[in-house]
Structure formats: structure tokens, C-alpha cells
């Protein structure tokens, strides 16, 4: 039994060569494991570096000044119109009735500011309609008695002056409109009277008086004799 036990112990013992082989194998495996871990960690480091580079590039792009050509410029606002081109911009009108020859007992001066946009633009439009179809009457034109009543006023767009007018309502009625230092005038006869048939009524509406308070304009042809 004792011999058998010794034999078994000898079979479990390793020779020096086996020990050295085992150590070399362990060292080789350790080296291979270390290389594997380094190789595996290399892509992660590269990804972090590329992410940092992308972040830096994005920050640089956001902080770079915009190209002048890339910025869209807003269109310039159109110039504000005046005169008859601005009828639909008018928001108010001031009117003063001037009495040149009428005695104080027969009439009083009148001042009115109208802010009703519909009434203001209607009157403005009638003036422009008459001026766009001026009377062709030439030479001496006989008119009814002129009592010297006329209306002077100004059309506004807010605080901006659009046009100034003079409306002579007795005798041969006349209309004049001044814009930018230039004045256009016509007698309210013939074509002018036909083009602005509501001038009298619209003036009365702006003033807040009955239409009968505004003398009736002379109608008929440009060569009409107003005394007939």
C-alpha cells in the first residue's frame, strides 16, 4: 500500500519543464488579454475625440458672422401718396366757410372737422372727379350772382397733409385742389359737374348741414349761359 501511494504522488508532481511551460502560457495569455483590452478601448477613445471635434465645429459655425448675402432685407415701404392718389388714405378733413360779401345777418362763418372716413373720402373723391374732367368753357362765362361764399379745407392722413382745397359755391361754382405747391382748378360746369354729381351733397354731409344749405351748382354745357 505504501508503494502504491508514493507512485500516485509522483504522478501528480510536475516536472520543471511543465512548470516553465505553464508560466509561459499564463504570461502569454495575460499579454494577449491586455492587448485585447487596449484594442477594444481604442475605438471608444476615437469616438469621444470625434464627438468633441464635431461639437467644436458646431460652436464655431454658430459663432461665425452671417454672410451679408444670406440676410434677407425687408422691402422698402412705398412712398406715401398725396393729392388724388391718396383719396383712400384720407382720415379727416377740416373745412372753413368764408363769407366775402354776405352781410353777417345773412350768414355766419363755419368751421368743421370731420373724422368720418366714409364722408371724408367721398368728398375728396368728388373733388378729384371734377378735376379729372375739367370744364372746357373758355372766354367770358356769365354766372348767377356771386355772394362770395366759399369753403376752404385740408384733407389729412392722420397728421400728414394730403391736399388743400377751395370750393366756391356761389356764382359759377369752382373747385381747386393744391398738392405739393401745384394747384388744379376747374369750374363746376358741363363735364366737371357731370363727373361730380354728389359734390354738393357730400359737402353738406361733411359739414353736417342740409343739402339745401349748399347753393345748387350750375349745370348744363360748358358754354351754358348761367343767367338763362
C-alpha atoms as a PDB file:
ATOM      1  CA  UNK A   1       0.000   0.000   0.000  1.00  0.00           C
ATOM      2  CA  UNK A   2       2.791   2.371   0.787  1.00  0.00           C
ATOM      3  CA  UNK A   3       4.421   1.793  -2.568  1.00  0.00           C
ATOM      4  CA  UNK A   4       1.175   2.487  -4.347  1.00  0.00           C
ATOM      5  CA  UNK A   5       0.706   5.778  -2.553  1.00  0.00           C
ATOM      6  CA  UNK A   6       4.121   7.012  -3.445  1.00  0.00           C
ATOM      7  CA  UNK A   7       3.505   6.152  -7.061  1.00  0.00           C
ATOM      8  CA  UNK A   8       0.393   8.146  -7.134  1.00  0.00           C
ATOM      9  CA  UNK A   9       2.130  11.163  -5.591  1.00  0.00           C
ATOM     10  CA  UNK A  10       4.814  11.055  -8.215  1.00  0.00           C
ATOM     11  CA  UNK A  11       2.229  11.021 -10.976  1.00  0.00           C
ATOM     12  CA  UNK A  12       0.722  14.343  -9.676  1.00  0.00           C
ATOM     13  CA  UNK A  13       4.035  16.187  -9.486  1.00  0.00           C
ATOM     14  CA  UNK A  14       5.051  18.416 -12.423  1.00  0.00           C
ATOM     15  CA  UNK A  15       8.469  18.477 -13.957  1.00  0.00           C
ATOM     16  CA  UNK A  16      10.436  21.766 -14.208  1.00  0.00           C
ATOM     17  CA  UNK A  17       9.718  21.880 -17.915  1.00  0.00           C
ATOM     18  CA  UNK A  18       5.972  21.652 -17.313  1.00  0.00           C
ATOM     19  CA  UNK A  19       6.164  24.430 -14.733  1.00  0.00           C
ATOM     20  CA  UNK A  20       8.043  26.678 -17.088  1.00  0.00           C
ATOM     21  CA  UNK A  21       5.563  25.906 -19.880  1.00  0.00           C
ATOM     22  CA  UNK A  22       2.655  26.681 -17.665  1.00  0.00           C
ATOM     23  CA  UNK A  23       4.164  30.011 -16.573  1.00  0.00           C
ATOM     24  CA  UNK A  24       4.908  30.966 -20.150  1.00  0.00           C
ATOM     25  CA  UNK A  25       1.362  30.092 -21.169  1.00  0.00           C
ATOM     26  CA  UNK A  26      -0.069  32.220 -18.365  1.00  0.00           C
ATOM     27  CA  UNK A  27       2.142  35.136 -19.266  1.00  0.00           C
ATOM     28  CA  UNK A  28       1.218  34.814 -22.948  1.00  0.00           C
ATOM     29  CA  UNK A  29      -2.490  34.719 -22.157  1.00  0.00           C
ATOM     30  CA  UNK A  30      -2.145  37.742 -19.916  1.00  0.00           C
ATOM     31  CA  UNK A  31      -0.326  39.616 -22.651  1.00  0.00           C
ATOM     32  CA  UNK A  32      -2.963  38.670 -25.179  1.00  0.00           C
ATOM     33  CA  UNK A  33      -5.734  39.731 -22.803  1.00  0.00           C
ATOM     34  CA  UNK A  34      -4.039  43.072 -22.249  1.00  0.00           C
ATOM     35  CA  UNK A  35      -3.691  43.683 -25.980  1.00  0.00           C
ATOM     36  CA  UNK A  36      -7.321  42.771 -26.457  1.00  0.00           C
ATOM     37  CA  UNK A  37      -8.444  45.254 -23.859  1.00  0.00           C
ATOM     38  CA  UNK A  38      -6.353  48.005 -25.420  1.00  0.00           C
ATOM     39  CA  UNK A  39      -7.670  47.274 -28.875  1.00  0.00           C
ATOM     40  CA  UNK A  40     -11.241  47.306 -27.616  1.00  0.00           C
ATOM     41  CA  UNK A  41     -10.826  50.596 -25.791  1.00  0.00           C
ATOM     42  CA  UNK A  42      -9.203  52.393 -28.738  1.00  0.00           C
ATOM     43  CA  UNK A  43     -12.463  52.915 -30.786  1.00  0.00           C
ATOM     44  CA  UNK A  44     -14.230  54.363 -27.754  1.00  0.00           C
ATOM     45  CA  UNK A  45     -11.497  56.941 -27.312  1.00  0.00           C
ATOM     46  CA  UNK A  46     -11.595  57.777 -31.017  1.00  0.00           C
ATOM     47  CA  UNK A  47     -15.375  58.226 -30.852  1.00  0.00           C
ATOM     48  CA  UNK A  48     -15.063  60.633 -27.944  1.00  0.00           C
ATOM     49  CA  UNK A  49     -12.426  62.619 -29.794  1.00  0.00           C
ATOM     50  CA  UNK A  50     -14.556  62.833 -32.946  1.00  0.00           C
ATOM     51  CA  UNK A  51     -17.581  63.891 -30.846  1.00  0.00           C
ATOM     52  CA  UNK A  52     -15.537  66.665 -29.256  1.00  0.00           C
ATOM     53  CA  UNK A  53     -14.360  67.765 -32.710  1.00  0.00           C
ATOM     54  CA  UNK A  54     -17.954  67.867 -34.007  1.00  0.00           C
ATOM     55  CA  UNK A  55     -19.054  69.928 -31.002  1.00  0.00           C
ATOM     56  CA  UNK A  56     -16.219  72.406 -31.552  1.00  0.00           C
ATOM     57  CA  UNK A  57     -17.094  72.693 -35.254  1.00  0.00           C
ATOM     58  CA  UNK A  58     -20.769  73.341 -34.445  1.00  0.00           C
ATOM     59  CA  UNK A  59     -19.838  76.043 -31.934  1.00  0.00           C
ATOM     60  CA  UNK A  60     -17.523  77.683 -34.441  1.00  0.00           C
ATOM     61  CA  UNK A  61     -20.244  77.630 -37.107  1.00  0.00           C
ATOM     62  CA  UNK A  62     -22.808  79.179 -34.767  1.00  0.00           C
ATOM     63  CA  UNK A  63     -20.422  81.946 -33.697  1.00  0.00           C
ATOM     64  CA  UNK A  64     -19.316  82.789 -37.243  1.00  0.00           C
ATOM     65  CA  UNK A  65     -20.822  86.065 -38.621  1.00  0.00           C
ATOM     66  CA  UNK A  66     -23.639  85.661 -41.139  1.00  0.00           C
ATOM     67  CA  UNK A  67     -22.861  86.363 -44.746  1.00  0.00           C
ATOM     68  CA  UNK A  68     -24.288  89.707 -45.926  1.00  0.00           C
ATOM     69  CA  UNK A  69     -25.838  87.993 -48.929  1.00  0.00           C
ATOM     70  CA  UNK A  70     -27.611  85.423 -46.755  1.00  0.00           C
ATOM     71  CA  UNK A  71     -29.547  88.014 -44.766  1.00  0.00           C
ATOM     72  CA  UNK A  72     -32.864  88.862 -46.368  1.00  0.00           C
ATOM     73  CA  UNK A  73     -33.517  92.584 -46.438  1.00  0.00           C
ATOM     74  CA  UNK A  74     -37.087  93.763 -45.840  1.00  0.00           C
ATOM     75  CA  UNK A  75     -38.667  95.547 -48.824  1.00  0.00           C
ATOM     76  CA  UNK A  76     -38.710  99.317 -48.536  1.00  0.00           C
ATOM     77  CA  UNK A  77     -42.098 100.800 -47.702  1.00  0.00           C
ATOM     78  CA  UNK A  78     -43.695 102.595 -50.651  1.00  0.00           C
ATOM     79  CA  UNK A  79     -43.704 106.377 -50.534  1.00  0.00           C
ATOM     80  CA  UNK A  80     -46.889 107.870 -49.113  1.00  0.00           C
ATOM     81  CA  UNK A  81     -49.142 109.291 -51.810  1.00  0.00           C
ATOM     82  CA  UNK A  82     -50.665 112.764 -51.846  1.00  0.00           C
ATOM     83  CA  UNK A  83     -53.322 114.555 -53.860  1.00  0.00           C
ATOM     84  CA  UNK A  84     -55.926 112.494 -55.694  1.00  0.00           C
ATOM     85  CA  UNK A  85     -53.707 109.402 -55.463  1.00  0.00           C
ATOM     86  CA  UNK A  86     -54.299 109.460 -51.707  1.00  0.00           C
ATOM     87  CA  UNK A  87     -58.105 109.587 -51.600  1.00  0.00           C
ATOM     88  CA  UNK A  88     -58.298 106.207 -49.856  1.00  0.00           C
ATOM     89  CA  UNK A  89     -55.722 107.296 -47.272  1.00  0.00           C
ATOM     90  CA  UNK A  90     -57.661 110.330 -46.048  1.00  0.00           C
ATOM     91  CA  UNK A  91     -58.833 110.084 -42.451  1.00  0.00           C
ATOM     92  CA  UNK A  92     -60.102 113.616 -41.740  1.00  0.00           C
ATOM     93  CA  UNK A  93     -60.870 116.983 -43.268  1.00  0.00           C
ATOM     94  CA  UNK A  94     -61.092 120.476 -41.843  1.00  0.00           C
ATOM     95  CA  UNK A  95     -63.474 122.940 -43.524  1.00  0.00           C
ATOM     96  CA  UNK A  96     -63.890 126.668 -43.038  1.00  0.00           C
ATOM     97  CA  UNK A  97     -66.742 128.581 -44.671  1.00  0.00           C
ATOM     98  CA  UNK A  98     -65.580 132.008 -45.754  1.00  0.00           C
ATOM     99  CA  UNK A  99     -68.052 134.850 -46.288  1.00  0.00           C
ATOM    100  CA  UNK A 100     -66.632 137.566 -48.511  1.00  0.00           C
ATOM    101  CA  UNK A 101     -69.667 139.642 -49.462  1.00  0.00           C
ATOM    102  CA  UNK A 102     -72.563 138.306 -47.422  1.00  0.00           C
ATOM    103  CA  UNK A 103     -73.618 140.525 -44.561  1.00  0.00           C
ATOM    104  CA  UNK A 104     -73.343 138.985 -41.063  1.00  0.00           C
ATOM    105  CA  UNK A 105     -77.128 138.963 -40.703  1.00  0.00           C
ATOM    106  CA  UNK A 106     -77.428 136.652 -43.703  1.00  0.00           C
ATOM    107  CA  UNK A 107     -74.883 134.043 -42.737  1.00  0.00           C
ATOM    108  CA  UNK A 108     -72.262 133.054 -40.225  1.00  0.00           C
ATOM    109  CA  UNK A 109     -68.749 131.732 -40.544  1.00  0.00           C
ATOM    110  CA  UNK A 110     -68.453 127.990 -40.034  1.00  0.00           C
ATOM    111  CA  UNK A 111     -65.586 125.705 -39.020  1.00  0.00           C
ATOM    112  CA  UNK A 112     -65.841 121.929 -39.003  1.00  0.00           C
ATOM    113  CA  UNK A 113     -63.500 118.971 -38.601  1.00  0.00           C
ATOM    114  CA  UNK A 114     -64.880 115.696 -39.887  1.00  0.00           C
ATOM    115  CA  UNK A 115     -63.368 112.331 -38.878  1.00  0.00           C
ATOM    116  CA  UNK A 116     -65.910 110.057 -40.513  1.00  0.00           C
ATOM    117  CA  UNK A 117     -63.646 108.323 -43.032  1.00  0.00           C
ATOM    118  CA  UNK A 118     -66.515 107.451 -45.386  1.00  0.00           C
ATOM    119  CA  UNK A 119     -67.704 111.067 -45.613  1.00  0.00           C
ATOM    120  CA  UNK A 120     -64.161 112.442 -45.887  1.00  0.00           C
ATOM    121  CA  UNK A 121     -63.172 110.161 -48.756  1.00  0.00           C
ATOM    122  CA  UNK A 122     -66.466 110.664 -50.570  1.00  0.00           C
ATOM    123  CA  UNK A 123     -65.940 114.449 -50.642  1.00  0.00           C
ATOM    124  CA  UNK A 124     -62.269 114.070 -51.612  1.00  0.00           C
ATOM    125  CA  UNK A 125     -63.275 111.736 -54.430  1.00  0.00           C
ATOM    126  CA  UNK A 126     -65.835 114.209 -55.785  1.00  0.00           C
ATOM    127  CA  UNK A 127     -63.231 116.968 -55.945  1.00  0.00           C
ATOM    128  CA  UNK A 128     -60.877 114.681 -57.829  1.00  0.00           C
ATOM    129  CA  UNK A 129     -63.622 113.526 -60.194  1.00  0.00           C
ATOM    130  CA  UNK A 130     -64.440 117.122 -61.135  1.00  0.00           C
ATOM    131  CA  UNK A 131     -60.768 117.989 -61.656  1.00  0.00           C
ATOM    132  CA  UNK A 132     -60.194 114.914 -63.795  1.00  0.00           C
ATOM    133  CA  UNK A 133     -62.972 116.134 -66.136  1.00  0.00           C
ATOM    134  CA  UNK A 134     -62.304 119.896 -66.189  1.00  0.00           C
ATOM    135  CA  UNK A 135     -64.751 122.253 -67.818  1.00  0.00           C
ATOM    136  CA  UNK A 136     -63.737 123.287 -71.321  1.00  0.00           C
ATOM    137  CA  UNK A 137     -65.517 126.646 -71.079  1.00  0.00           C
ATOM    138  CA  UNK A 138     -63.395 129.483 -72.467  1.00  0.00           C
ATOM    139  CA  UNK A 139     -63.734 133.211 -72.573  1.00  0.00           C
ATOM    140  CA  UNK A 140     -66.459 135.079 -70.731  1.00  0.00           C
ATOM    141  CA  UNK A 141     -68.984 132.932 -68.904  1.00  0.00           C
ATOM    142  CA  UNK A 142     -71.957 134.634 -67.317  1.00  0.00           C
ATOM    143  CA  UNK A 143     -72.828 133.227 -63.918  1.00  0.00           C
ATOM    144  CA  UNK A 144     -75.528 133.780 -61.267  1.00  0.00           C
ATOM    145  CA  UNK A 145     -74.933 136.336 -58.571  1.00  0.00           C
ATOM    146  CA  UNK A 146     -71.820 135.555 -56.582  1.00  0.00           C
ATOM    147  CA  UNK A 147     -72.421 136.126 -52.877  1.00  0.00           C
ATOM    148  CA  UNK A 148     -68.823 135.351 -52.043  1.00  0.00           C
ATOM    149  CA  UNK A 149     -69.341 132.064 -50.203  1.00  0.00           C
ATOM    150  CA  UNK A 150     -66.549 129.530 -50.433  1.00  0.00           C
ATOM    151  CA  UNK A 151     -65.228 126.627 -48.430  1.00  0.00           C
ATOM    152  CA  UNK A 152     -61.542 126.231 -47.687  1.00  0.00           C
ATOM    153  CA  UNK A 153     -60.245 122.984 -46.258  1.00  0.00           C
ATOM    154  CA  UNK A 154     -57.488 120.433 -45.885  1.00  0.00           C
ATOM    155  CA  UNK A 155     -57.541 116.661 -46.190  1.00  0.00           C
ATOM    156  CA  UNK A 156     -55.325 114.696 -43.809  1.00  0.00           C
ATOM    157  CA  UNK A 157     -53.983 111.205 -43.321  1.00  0.00           C
ATOM    158  CA  UNK A 158     -53.529 111.348 -39.566  1.00  0.00           C
ATOM    159  CA  UNK A 159     -51.306 114.417 -39.144  1.00  0.00           C
ATOM    160  CA  UNK A 160     -49.985 114.306 -42.721  1.00  0.00           C
ATOM    161  CA  UNK A 161     -51.446 116.830 -45.179  1.00  0.00           C
ATOM    162  CA  UNK A 162     -52.767 115.242 -48.363  1.00  0.00           C
ATOM    163  CA  UNK A 163     -54.295 118.224 -50.183  1.00  0.00           C
ATOM    164  CA  UNK A 164     -55.824 121.661 -49.672  1.00  0.00           C
ATOM    165  CA  UNK A 165     -58.976 122.731 -51.474  1.00  0.00           C
ATOM    166  CA  UNK A 166     -61.130 125.757 -52.237  1.00  0.00           C
ATOM    167  CA  UNK A 167     -64.750 125.203 -53.195  1.00  0.00           C
ATOM    168  CA  UNK A 168     -66.542 128.324 -54.396  1.00  0.00           C
ATOM    169  CA  UNK A 169     -70.251 127.589 -54.168  1.00  0.00           C
ATOM    170  CA  UNK A 170     -71.899 130.778 -55.437  1.00  0.00           C
ATOM    171  CA  UNK A 171     -71.882 132.223 -58.923  1.00  0.00           C
ATOM    172  CA  UNK A 172     -70.245 129.707 -61.260  1.00  0.00           C
ATOM    173  CA  UNK A 173     -69.071 127.146 -58.767  1.00  0.00           C
ATOM    174  CA  UNK A 174     -65.357 126.402 -58.821  1.00  0.00           C
ATOM    175  CA  UNK A 175     -63.087 123.737 -57.364  1.00  0.00           C
ATOM    176  CA  UNK A 176     -59.338 123.893 -56.832  1.00  0.00           C
ATOM    177  CA  UNK A 177     -57.006 121.375 -55.210  1.00  0.00           C
ATOM    178  CA  UNK A 178     -53.420 122.131 -54.170  1.00  0.00           C
ATOM    179  CA  UNK A 179     -50.802 119.451 -53.605  1.00  0.00           C
ATOM    180  CA  UNK A 180     -47.045 119.859 -53.391  1.00  0.00           C
ATOM    181  CA  UNK A 181     -47.282 123.523 -54.368  1.00  0.00           C
ATOM    182  CA  UNK A 182     -49.246 122.746 -57.557  1.00  0.00           C
ATOM    183  CA  UNK A 183     -52.886 123.760 -57.968  1.00  0.00           C
ATOM    184  CA  UNK A 184     -55.519 122.376 -60.328  1.00  0.00           C
ATOM    185  CA  UNK A 185     -58.806 124.249 -60.835  1.00  0.00           C
ATOM    186  CA  UNK A 186     -61.999 123.977 -62.802  1.00  0.00           C
ATOM    187  CA  UNK A 187     -65.442 125.493 -62.923  1.00  0.00           C
ATOM    188  CA  UNK A 188     -68.137 123.028 -61.948  1.00  0.00           C
ATOM    189  CA  UNK A 189     -69.830 123.205 -65.349  1.00  0.00           C
ATOM    190  CA  UNK A 190     -70.532 120.682 -68.079  1.00  0.00           C
ATOM    191  CA  UNK A 191     -68.196 117.695 -67.861  1.00  0.00           C
ATOM    192  CA  UNK A 192     -66.932 118.611 -64.389  1.00  0.00           C
ATOM    193  CA  UNK A 193     -70.462 118.882 -62.994  1.00  0.00           C
ATOM    194  CA  UNK A 194     -71.461 115.582 -64.627  1.00  0.00           C
ATOM    195  CA  UNK A 195     -68.382 113.815 -63.209  1.00  0.00           C
ATOM    196  CA  UNK A 196     -69.050 115.016 -59.655  1.00  0.00           C
ATOM    197  CA  UNK A 197     -72.848 114.969 -59.239  1.00  0.00           C
ATOM    198  CA  UNK A 198     -72.659 114.401 -55.462  1.00  0.00           C
ATOM    199  CA  UNK A 199     -70.222 117.207 -54.667  1.00  0.00           C
ATOM    200  CA  UNK A 200     -72.868 119.443 -53.133  1.00  0.00           C
ATOM    201  CA  UNK A 201     -74.471 116.640 -51.107  1.00  0.00           C
ATOM    202  CA  UNK A 202     -71.113 115.313 -49.900  1.00  0.00           C
ATOM    203  CA  UNK A 203     -70.018 118.771 -48.771  1.00  0.00           C
ATOM    204  CA  UNK A 204     -73.262 119.139 -46.821  1.00  0.00           C
ATOM    205  CA  UNK A 205     -72.729 115.702 -45.217  1.00  0.00           C
ATOM    206  CA  UNK A 206     -69.205 116.648 -44.110  1.00  0.00           C
ATOM    207  CA  UNK A 207     -70.481 119.932 -42.649  1.00  0.00           C
ATOM    208  CA  UNK A 208     -73.483 118.259 -41.032  1.00  0.00           C
ATOM    209  CA  UNK A 209     -75.996 120.594 -42.677  1.00  0.00           C
ATOM    210  CA  UNK A 210     -78.916 120.010 -45.076  1.00  0.00           C
ATOM    211  CA  UNK A 211     -78.033 119.861 -48.756  1.00  0.00           C
ATOM    212  CA  UNK A 212     -80.198 122.950 -49.336  1.00  0.00           C
ATOM    213  CA  UNK A 213     -77.680 124.943 -47.290  1.00  0.00           C
ATOM    214  CA  UNK A 214     -75.191 124.492 -50.146  1.00  0.00           C
ATOM    215  CA  UNK A 215     -76.124 126.530 -53.261  1.00  0.00           C
ATOM    216  CA  UNK A 216     -77.140 124.461 -56.263  1.00  0.00           C
ATOM    217  CA  UNK A 217     -74.369 124.276 -58.862  1.00  0.00           C
ATOM    218  CA  UNK A 218     -74.978 125.497 -62.400  1.00  0.00           C
ATOM    219  CA  UNK A 219     -75.408 122.536 -64.732  1.00  0.00           C
ATOM    220  CA  UNK A 220     -75.571 122.216 -68.472  1.00  0.00           C
ATOM    221  CA  UNK A 221     -72.996 122.542 -71.236  1.00  0.00           C
ATOM    222  CA  UNK A 222     -69.628 124.216 -70.871  1.00  0.00           C
ATOM    223  CA  UNK A 223     -70.931 127.143 -72.902  1.00  0.00           C
ATOM    224  CA  UNK A 224     -74.148 127.454 -70.900  1.00  0.00           C
ATOM    225  CA  UNK A 225     -75.307 130.950 -70.109  1.00  0.00           C
ATOM    226  CA  UNK A 226     -75.859 130.822 -66.352  1.00  0.00           C
ATOM    227  CA  UNK A 227     -78.329 133.739 -66.496  1.00  0.00           C
ATOM    228  CA  UNK A 228     -80.796 131.905 -68.731  1.00  0.00           C
END
